[in-house]
Amino acid sequence: MLRISGLKTFYGNSQALFGMDVEIQEGQVATLMGRNGMGKTTTVHSIMGITPSQDGEIEFNGTPLRGMTPFAVARLGIGLVPEGRQIFPNLTAHENLVATAANWGKLKTPWTVERVYELFPGLAARRTSMGNLLSGGEQQMLAVGRALMTNPKLLILDEATEGLAPLIRDEIWRSLEALKGEGLSILVIDKNVKDLARIADRHHIVEKGQVVWTGDSTSLLADQELTQRYLGV
């Protein structure tokens, strides 16, 4: 579904990605893992066209993405839950969801506000609250719901549970498991290795703008030296 090959991205004269290679199959949950500053968010921004890449290939269902604007990428079926949530603070939770509603892929059973509330019952109780009055966990649930309202074929979450309380983290992981069960393809960036290993099919460990290891959850958990070397603090 998504293929990234030899991707190179710069911020001015500073190179951030040095030949990223990532693949995600349809219906698969995949991860980007690594310490801060290693190029995970830059990879996401390159996919979405937020930070244009200078070399390499990005293909989504056979369509080249390099050079596309973010809204054009989104219309192809990629939904982003950005780091920091970035919800609309002066809209209610309900208005945040309605604002992004679209079904460019003409899905027969598109996401609706009601389906989002079923996925996140706690969000339904806060539907009339302004975005800036929601807790961090509620904002994250809203950010996921807002991305789902675009009816994506691929959902990307950048720092899916960063800064959230344990109960809210569990809620986010539960929702991702449910979405996986529905066949949605997902790319997750997060630091909770055990949770990622439980739900993901394929992992990519990133170091200095390159993927240095790829494998399944069994291999990831079996190699403590690997996780300590690239993921330990």
C-alpha atoms as a PDB file:
ATOM      1  CA  MET A   1       0.000   0.000   0.000  1.00  0.00           C
ATOM      2  CA  LEU A   2       2.728   2.481   0.991  1.00  0.00           C
ATOM      3  CA  ARG A   3       6.265   2.191  -0.305  1.00  0.00           C
ATOM      4  CA  ILE A   4       9.067   4.578   0.610  1.00  0.00           C
ATOM      5  CA  SER A   5      12.419   4.037  -1.049  1.00  0.00           C
ATOM      6  CA  GLY A   6      15.673   5.968  -0.706  1.00  0.00           C
ATOM      7  CA  LEU A   7      13.906   9.001   0.740  1.00  0.00           C
ATOM      8  CA  LYS A   8      16.068  12.049   1.427  1.00  0.00           C
ATOM      9  CA  THR A   9      14.695  15.184   3.065  1.00  0.00           C
ATOM     10  CA  PHE A  10      16.439  18.406   4.073  1.00  0.00           C
ATOM     11  CA  TYR A  11      15.657  21.381   6.292  1.00  0.00           C
ATOM     12  CA  GLY A  12      17.569  24.059   4.454  1.00  0.00           C
ATOM     13  CA  ASN A  13      21.123  22.766   4.218  1.00  0.00           C
ATOM     14  CA  SER A  14      20.628  20.236   7.025  1.00  0.00           C
ATOM     15  CA  GLN A  15      19.798  16.719   5.896  1.00  0.00           C
ATOM     16  CA  ALA A  16      17.276  14.866   8.073  1.00  0.00           C
ATOM     17  CA  LEU A  17      16.570  11.693   6.083  1.00  0.00           C
ATOM     18  CA  PHE A  18      19.398   9.718   4.507  1.00  0.00           C
ATOM     19  CA  GLY A  19      17.599   7.144   2.380  1.00  0.00           C
ATOM     20  CA  MET A  20      14.526   5.991   4.316  1.00  0.00           C
ATOM     21  CA  ASP A  21      12.987   2.683   3.227  1.00  0.00           C
ATOM     22  CA  VAL A  22       9.540   1.751   4.584  1.00  0.00           C
ATOM     23  CA  GLU A  23       6.811  -0.589   3.353  1.00  0.00           C
ATOM     24  CA  ILE A  24       3.259  -1.075   4.624  1.00  0.00           C
ATOM     25  CA  GLN A  25       0.916  -3.705   3.224  1.00  0.00           C
ATOM     26  CA  GLU A  26      -2.846  -3.299   3.028  1.00  0.00           C
ATOM     27  CA  GLY A  27      -4.520  -4.161   6.335  1.00  0.00           C
ATOM     28  CA  GLN A  28      -1.206  -4.085   8.165  1.00  0.00           C
ATOM     29  CA  VAL A  29      -0.235  -2.180  11.314  1.00  0.00           C
ATOM     30  CA  ALA A  30       3.358  -0.962  11.048  1.00  0.00           C
ATOM     31  CA  THR A  31       5.537   1.181  13.285  1.00  0.00           C
ATOM     32  CA  LEU A  32       8.326   3.714  13.098  1.00  0.00           C
ATOM     33  CA  MET A  33      10.387   3.456  16.271  1.00  0.00           C
ATOM     34  CA  GLY A  34      13.474   5.265  17.511  1.00  0.00           C
ATOM     35  CA  ARG A  35      14.768   7.962  19.810  1.00  0.00           C
ATOM     36  CA  ASN A  36      13.772  11.597  19.442  1.00  0.00           C
ATOM     37  CA  GLY A  37      15.314  13.467  16.532  1.00  0.00           C
ATOM     38  CA  MET A  38      16.001  10.400  14.383  1.00  0.00           C
ATOM     39  CA  GLY A  39      13.663  11.327  11.515  1.00  0.00           C
ATOM     40  CA  LYS A  40      10.334   9.677  12.324  1.00  0.00           C
ATOM     41  CA  THR A  41       8.204  12.832  12.184  1.00  0.00           C
ATOM     42  CA  THR A  42      10.159  14.080   9.166  1.00  0.00           C
ATOM     43  CA  THR A  43       9.252  10.845   7.405  1.00  0.00           C
ATOM     44  CA  VAL A  44       5.565  11.434   8.163  1.00  0.00           C
ATOM     45  CA  HIS A  45       5.786  15.045   7.021  1.00  0.00           C
ATOM     46  CA  SER A  46       7.478  13.906   3.807  1.00  0.00           C
ATOM     47  CA  ILE A  47       4.683  11.417   3.134  1.00  0.00           C
ATOM     48  CA  MET A  48       2.043  14.102   3.667  1.00  0.00           C
ATOM     49  CA  GLY A  49       3.839  16.756   1.629  1.00  0.00           C
ATOM     50  CA  ILE A  50       4.240  19.026   4.656  1.00  0.00           C
ATOM     51  CA  THR A  51       8.033  18.879   4.346  1.00  0.00           C
ATOM     52  CA  PRO A  52       8.881  18.137   0.697  1.00  0.00           C
ATOM     53  CA  SER A  53      11.580  15.540   0.090  1.00  0.00           C
ATOM     54  CA  GLN A  54      14.467  16.140  -2.281  1.00  0.00           C
ATOM     55  CA  ASP A  55      15.148  12.588  -3.484  1.00  0.00           C
ATOM     56  CA  GLY A  56      13.753   9.075  -3.359  1.00  0.00           C
ATOM     57  CA  GLU A  57      10.304   7.635  -3.959  1.00  0.00           C
ATOM     58  CA  ILE A  58       7.007   7.658  -2.058  1.00  0.00           C
ATOM     59  CA  GLU A  59       4.171   5.634  -3.569  1.00  0.00           C
ATOM     60  CA  PHE A  60       0.678   5.096  -2.182  1.00  0.00           C
ATOM     61  CA  ASN A  61      -1.307   2.411  -3.978  1.00  0.00           C
ATOM     62  CA  GLY A  62       0.945   2.956  -6.971  1.00  0.00           C
ATOM     63  CA  THR A  63       0.532   6.752  -7.038  1.00  0.00           C
ATOM     64  CA  PRO A  64       3.717   8.825  -6.585  1.00  0.00           C
ATOM     65  CA  LEU A  65       3.296  11.318  -3.736  1.00  0.00           C
ATOM     66  CA  ARG A  66       6.433  13.417  -4.049  1.00  0.00           C
ATOM     67  CA  GLY A  67       5.538  16.969  -5.082  1.00  0.00           C
ATOM     68  CA  MET A  68       1.901  16.659  -3.999  1.00  0.00           C
ATOM     69  CA  THR A  69       0.316  19.177  -1.646  1.00  0.00           C
ATOM     70  CA  PRO A  70      -0.912  17.934   1.764  1.00  0.00           C
ATOM     71  CA  PHE A  71      -4.598  18.247   0.827  1.00  0.00           C
ATOM     72  CA  ALA A  72      -4.029  16.214  -2.348  1.00  0.00           C
ATOM     73  CA  VAL A  73      -2.294  13.483  -0.336  1.00  0.00           C
ATOM     74  CA  ALA A  74      -5.175  13.455   2.134  1.00  0.00           C
ATOM     75  CA  ARG A  75      -7.701  13.102  -0.688  1.00  0.00           C
ATOM     76  CA  LEU A  76      -5.905   9.971  -1.867  1.00  0.00           C
ATOM     77  CA  GLY A  77      -6.782   8.368   1.463  1.00  0.00           C
ATOM     78  CA  ILE A  78      -4.091   9.105   4.059  1.00  0.00           C
ATOM     79  CA  GLY A  79      -5.321  10.435   7.401  1.00  0.00           C
ATOM     80  CA  LEU A  80      -2.895  12.021   9.857  1.00  0.00           C
ATOM     81  CA  VAL A  81      -3.116  12.286  13.638  1.00  0.00           C
ATOM     82  CA  PRO A  82      -0.300  14.817  14.109  1.00  0.00           C
ATOM     83  CA  GLU A  83       2.074  15.131  17.017  1.00  0.00           C
ATOM     84  CA  GLY A  84       0.605  17.655  19.434  1.00  0.00           C
ATOM     85  CA  ARG A  85      -2.970  16.840  18.248  1.00  0.00           C
ATOM     86  CA  GLN A  86      -3.516  20.275  16.619  1.00  0.00           C
ATOM     87  CA  ILE A  87      -7.285  20.227  17.007  1.00  0.00           C
ATOM     88  CA  PHE A  88      -9.286  23.385  16.326  1.00  0.00           C
ATOM     89  CA  PRO A  89      -9.444  25.075  19.762  1.00  0.00           C
ATOM     90  CA  ASN A  90     -12.361  27.395  18.998  1.00  0.00           C
ATOM     91  CA  LEU A  91     -14.648  24.665  17.674  1.00  0.00           C
ATOM     92  CA  THR A  92     -16.567  22.163  19.767  1.00  0.00           C
ATOM     93  CA  ALA A  93     -15.572  18.514  19.700  1.00  0.00           C
ATOM     94  CA  HIS A  94     -18.535  17.810  17.443  1.00  0.00           C
ATOM     95  CA  GLU A  95     -17.644  20.664  15.096  1.00  0.00           C
ATOM     96  CA  ASN A  96     -14.038  19.411  14.903  1.00  0.00           C
ATOM     97  CA  LEU A  97     -15.344  16.100  13.596  1.00  0.00           C
ATOM     98  CA  VAL A  98     -17.827  17.590  11.152  1.00  0.00           C
ATOM     99  CA  ALA A  99     -15.210  20.014   9.797  1.00  0.00           C
ATOM    100  CA  THR A 100     -13.095  17.225   8.276  1.00  0.00           C
ATOM    101  CA  ALA A 101     -15.894  14.916   7.089  1.00  0.00           C
ATOM    102  CA  ALA A 102     -15.223  13.654   3.566  1.00  0.00           C
ATOM    103  CA  ASN A 103     -15.517  10.447   1.599  1.00  0.00           C
ATOM    104  CA  TRP A 104     -13.224  10.904  -1.381  1.00  0.00           C
ATOM    105  CA  GLY A 105     -12.848   7.150  -1.767  1.00  0.00           C
ATOM    106  CA  LYS A 106     -16.624   6.644  -1.996  1.00  0.00           C
ATOM    107  CA  LEU A 107     -16.635   4.051   0.798  1.00  0.00           C
ATOM    108  CA  LYS A 108     -19.952   2.242   1.179  1.00  0.00           C
ATOM    109  CA  THR A 109     -19.838   2.464   4.972  1.00  0.00           C
ATOM    110  CA  PRO A 110     -18.044   5.752   5.666  1.00  0.00           C
ATOM    111  CA  TRP A 111     -17.070   7.006   9.082  1.00  0.00           C
ATOM    112  CA  THR A 112     -19.693   9.192  10.708  1.00  0.00           C
ATOM    113  CA  VAL A 113     -19.770  11.223  13.901  1.00  0.00           C
ATOM    114  CA  GLU A 114     -21.893   8.489  15.470  1.00  0.00           C
ATOM    115  CA  ARG A 115     -19.298   5.811  14.655  1.00  0.00           C
ATOM    116  CA  VAL A 116     -16.559   7.959  16.197  1.00  0.00           C
ATOM    117  CA  TYR A 117     -18.623   8.337  19.367  1.00  0.00           C
ATOM    118  CA  GLU A 118     -19.091   4.563  19.464  1.00  0.00           C
ATOM    119  CA  LEU A 119     -15.320   4.136  19.244  1.00  0.00           C
ATOM    120  CA  PHE A 120     -14.729   6.791  21.936  1.00  0.00           C
ATOM    121  CA  PRO A 121     -17.775   6.917  24.246  1.00  0.00           C
ATOM    122  CA  GLY A 122     -16.054   9.427  26.530  1.00  0.00           C
ATOM    123  CA  LEU A 123     -15.781  11.861  23.644  1.00  0.00           C
ATOM    124  CA  ALA A 124     -19.530  11.735  23.048  1.00  0.00           C
ATOM    125  CA  ALA A 125     -20.116  13.127  26.532  1.00  0.00           C
ATOM    126  CA  ARG A 126     -17.899  16.113  25.655  1.00  0.00           C
ATOM    127  CA  ARG A 127     -19.320  16.771  22.195  1.00  0.00           C
ATOM    128  CA  THR A 128     -20.404  20.354  23.021  1.00  0.00           C
ATOM    129  CA  SER A 129     -17.140  21.314  24.757  1.00  0.00           C
ATOM    130  CA  MET A 130     -14.723  23.645  23.003  1.00  0.00           C
ATOM    131  CA  GLY A 131     -11.538  22.020  21.802  1.00  0.00           C
ATOM    132  CA  ASN A 132      -9.308  24.049  24.102  1.00  0.00           C
ATOM    133  CA  LEU A 133     -11.310  22.900  27.139  1.00  0.00           C
ATOM    134  CA  LEU A 134     -10.757  19.193  26.501  1.00  0.00           C
ATOM    135  CA  SER A 135      -8.141  17.232  28.419  1.00  0.00           C
ATOM    136  CA  GLY A 136      -5.052  15.987  26.615  1.00  0.00           C
ATOM    137  CA  GLY A 137      -6.536  12.518  26.355  1.00  0.00           C
ATOM    138  CA  GLU A 138      -9.841  13.823  25.022  1.00  0.00           C
ATOM    139  CA  GLN A 139      -7.974  15.925  22.480  1.00  0.00           C
ATOM    140  CA  GLN A 140      -6.059  12.867  21.315  1.00  0.00           C
ATOM    141  CA  MET A 141      -9.250  10.853  20.919  1.00  0.00           C
ATOM    142  CA  LEU A 142     -10.708  13.798  18.996  1.00  0.00           C
ATOM    143  CA  ALA A 143      -7.632  13.963  16.761  1.00  0.00           C
ATOM    144  CA  VAL A 144      -8.017  10.270  15.931  1.00  0.00           C
ATOM    145  CA  GLY A 145     -11.734  10.731  15.278  1.00  0.00           C
ATOM    146  CA  ARG A 146     -11.102  13.766  13.120  1.00  0.00           C
ATOM    147  CA  ALA A 147      -8.664  11.761  10.960  1.00  0.00           C
ATOM    148  CA  LEU A 148     -11.155   8.895  10.685  1.00  0.00           C
ATOM    149  CA  MET A 149     -13.819  11.329   9.452  1.00  0.00           C
ATOM    150  CA  THR A 150     -11.732  11.767   6.293  1.00  0.00           C
ATOM    151  CA  ASN A 151     -12.315   8.022   5.684  1.00  0.00           C
ATOM    152  CA  PRO A 152      -8.658   7.153   5.178  1.00  0.00           C
ATOM    153  CA  LYS A 153      -7.261   3.972   3.673  1.00  0.00           C
ATOM    154  CA  LEU A 154      -4.115   4.526   5.750  1.00  0.00           C
ATOM    155  CA  LEU A 155      -4.137   6.122   9.209  1.00  0.00           C
ATOM    156  CA  ILE A 156      -0.890   7.647  10.499  1.00  0.00           C
ATOM    157  CA  LEU A 157      -0.433   8.477  14.191  1.00  0.00           C
ATOM    158  CA  ASP A 158       2.602  10.536  15.188  1.00  0.00           C
ATOM    159  CA  GLU A 159       3.343   9.979  18.914  1.00  0.00           C
ATOM    160  CA  ALA A 160       0.081   8.164  19.482  1.00  0.00           C
ATOM    161  CA  THR A 161       0.136   8.165  23.302  1.00  0.00           C
ATOM    162  CA  GLU A 162       2.780  10.743  24.244  1.00  0.00           C
ATOM    163  CA  GLY A 163       2.020  12.501  27.528  1.00  0.00           C
ATOM    164  CA  LEU A 164      -1.236  10.636  28.142  1.00  0.00           C
ATOM    165  CA  ALA A 165      -2.391   9.054  31.394  1.00  0.00           C
ATOM    166  CA  PRO A 166      -2.248   5.234  31.520  1.00  0.00           C
ATOM    167  CA  LEU A 167      -6.032   4.806  31.248  1.00  0.00           C
ATOM    168  CA  ILE A 168      -6.166   7.035  28.167  1.00  0.00           C
ATOM    169  CA  ARG A 169      -3.207   5.209  26.628  1.00  0.00           C
ATOM    170  CA  ASP A 170      -5.115   1.965  27.062  1.00  0.00           C
ATOM    171  CA  GLU A 171      -8.113   3.569  25.343  1.00  0.00           C
ATOM    172  CA  ILE A 172      -6.000   4.603  22.362  1.00  0.00           C
ATOM    173  CA  TRP A 173      -4.465   1.119  22.029  1.00  0.00           C
ATOM    174  CA  ARG A 174      -7.929  -0.438  22.305  1.00  0.00           C
ATOM    175  CA  SER A 175      -9.199   1.792  19.512  1.00  0.00           C
ATOM    176  CA  LEU A 176      -6.248   0.908  17.277  1.00  0.00           C
ATOM    177  CA  GLU A 177      -6.861  -2.789  17.832  1.00  0.00           C
ATOM    178  CA  ALA A 178     -10.507  -2.258  16.859  1.00  0.00           C
ATOM    179  CA  LEU A 179      -9.492  -0.359  13.718  1.00  0.00           C
ATOM    180  CA  LYS A 180      -7.032  -3.094  12.813  1.00  0.00           C
ATOM    181  CA  GLY A 181      -9.845  -5.588  13.223  1.00  0.00           C
ATOM    182  CA  GLU A 182     -11.813  -3.650  10.624  1.00  0.00           C
ATOM    183  CA  GLY A 183      -8.923  -3.977   8.175  1.00  0.00           C
ATOM    184  CA  LEU A 184      -7.627  -0.400   8.328  1.00  0.00           C
ATOM    185  CA  SER A 185      -3.940   0.031   7.521  1.00  0.00           C
ATOM    186  CA  ILE A 186      -2.116   1.955  10.238  1.00  0.00           C
ATOM    187  CA  LEU A 187       1.347   3.488  10.697  1.00  0.00           C
ATOM    188  CA  VAL A 188       2.155   4.290  14.330  1.00  0.00           C
ATOM    189  CA  ILE A 189       4.948   6.282  15.928  1.00  0.00           C
ATOM    190  CA  ASP A 190       5.236   5.718  19.668  1.00  0.00           C
ATOM    191  CA  LYS A 191       7.697   4.784  22.408  1.00  0.00           C
ATOM    192  CA  ASN A 192       5.688   2.068  24.183  1.00  0.00           C
ATOM    193  CA  VAL A 193       7.453  -0.979  22.786  1.00  0.00           C
ATOM    194  CA  LYS A 194       5.319  -3.630  24.499  1.00  0.00           C
ATOM    195  CA  ASP A 195       2.058  -2.068  23.336  1.00  0.00           C
ATOM    196  CA  LEU A 196       3.368  -1.615  19.814  1.00  0.00           C
ATOM    197  CA  ALA A 197       4.592  -5.201  19.719  1.00  0.00           C
ATOM    198  CA  ARG A 198       1.157  -6.406  20.790  1.00  0.00           C
ATOM    199  CA  ILE A 199      -0.783  -4.768  17.956  1.00  0.00           C
ATOM    200  CA  ALA A 200       1.710  -4.225  15.113  1.00  0.00           C
ATOM    201  CA  ASP A 201       2.665  -6.659  12.366  1.00  0.00           C
ATOM    202  CA  ARG A 202       5.882  -5.005  11.226  1.00  0.00           C
ATOM    203  CA  HIS A 203       8.371  -2.659  12.869  1.00  0.00           C
ATOM    204  CA  HIS A 204      10.913  -0.202  11.464  1.00  0.00           C
ATOM    205  CA  ILE A 205      13.618   1.111  13.799  1.00  0.00           C
ATOM    206  CA  VAL A 206      14.980   4.481  12.698  1.00  0.00           C
ATOM    207  CA  GLU A 207      18.447   5.810  13.519  1.00  0.00           C
ATOM    208  CA  LYS A 208      19.855   9.043  12.079  1.00  0.00           C
ATOM    209  CA  GLY A 209      17.402   9.269   9.218  1.00  0.00           C
ATOM    210  CA  GLN A 210      17.631   5.637   8.097  1.00  0.00           C
ATOM    211  CA  VAL A 211      15.854   2.379   8.866  1.00  0.00           C
ATOM    212  CA  VAL A 212      18.428   0.198  10.604  1.00  0.00           C
ATOM    213  CA  TRP A 213      16.192  -2.769  11.449  1.00  0.00           C
ATOM    214  CA  THR A 214      12.917  -4.229  10.209  1.00  0.00           C
ATOM    215  CA  GLY A 215      11.079  -7.220  11.586  1.00  0.00           C
ATOM    216  CA  ASP A 216       8.057  -8.655  13.344  1.00  0.00           C
ATOM    217  CA  SER A 217       7.063  -8.392  17.003  1.00  0.00           C
ATOM    218  CA  THR A 218       8.516 -11.758  18.011  1.00  0.00           C
ATOM    219  CA  SER A 219      11.935 -10.806  16.678  1.00  0.00           C
ATOM    220  CA  LEU A 220      11.724  -7.350  18.264  1.00  0.00           C
ATOM    221  CA  LEU A 221      10.935  -8.611  21.769  1.00  0.00           C
ATOM    222  CA  ALA A 222      13.487 -11.419  21.550  1.00  0.00           C
ATOM    223  CA  ASP A 223      16.418  -9.075  20.937  1.00  0.00           C
ATOM    224  CA  GLN A 224      16.966  -7.023  24.089  1.00  0.00           C
ATOM    225  CA  GLU A 225      20.315  -5.765  22.821  1.00  0.00           C
ATOM    226  CA  LEU A 226      18.555  -4.307  19.777  1.00  0.00           C
ATOM    227  CA  THR A 227      15.911  -2.471  21.792  1.00  0.00           C
ATOM    228  CA  GLN A 228      18.464  -1.162  24.288  1.00  0.00           C
ATOM    229  CA  ARG A 229      20.800   0.034  21.562  1.00  0.00           C
ATOM    230  CA  TYR A 230      18.242   1.920  19.489  1.00  0.00           C
ATOM    231  CA  LEU A 231      15.288   2.506  21.800  1.00  0.00           C
ATOM    232  CA  GLY A 232      16.737   2.708  25.311  1.00  0.00           C
ATOM    233  CA  VAL A 233      17.126   6.039  27.078  1.00  0.00           C
END
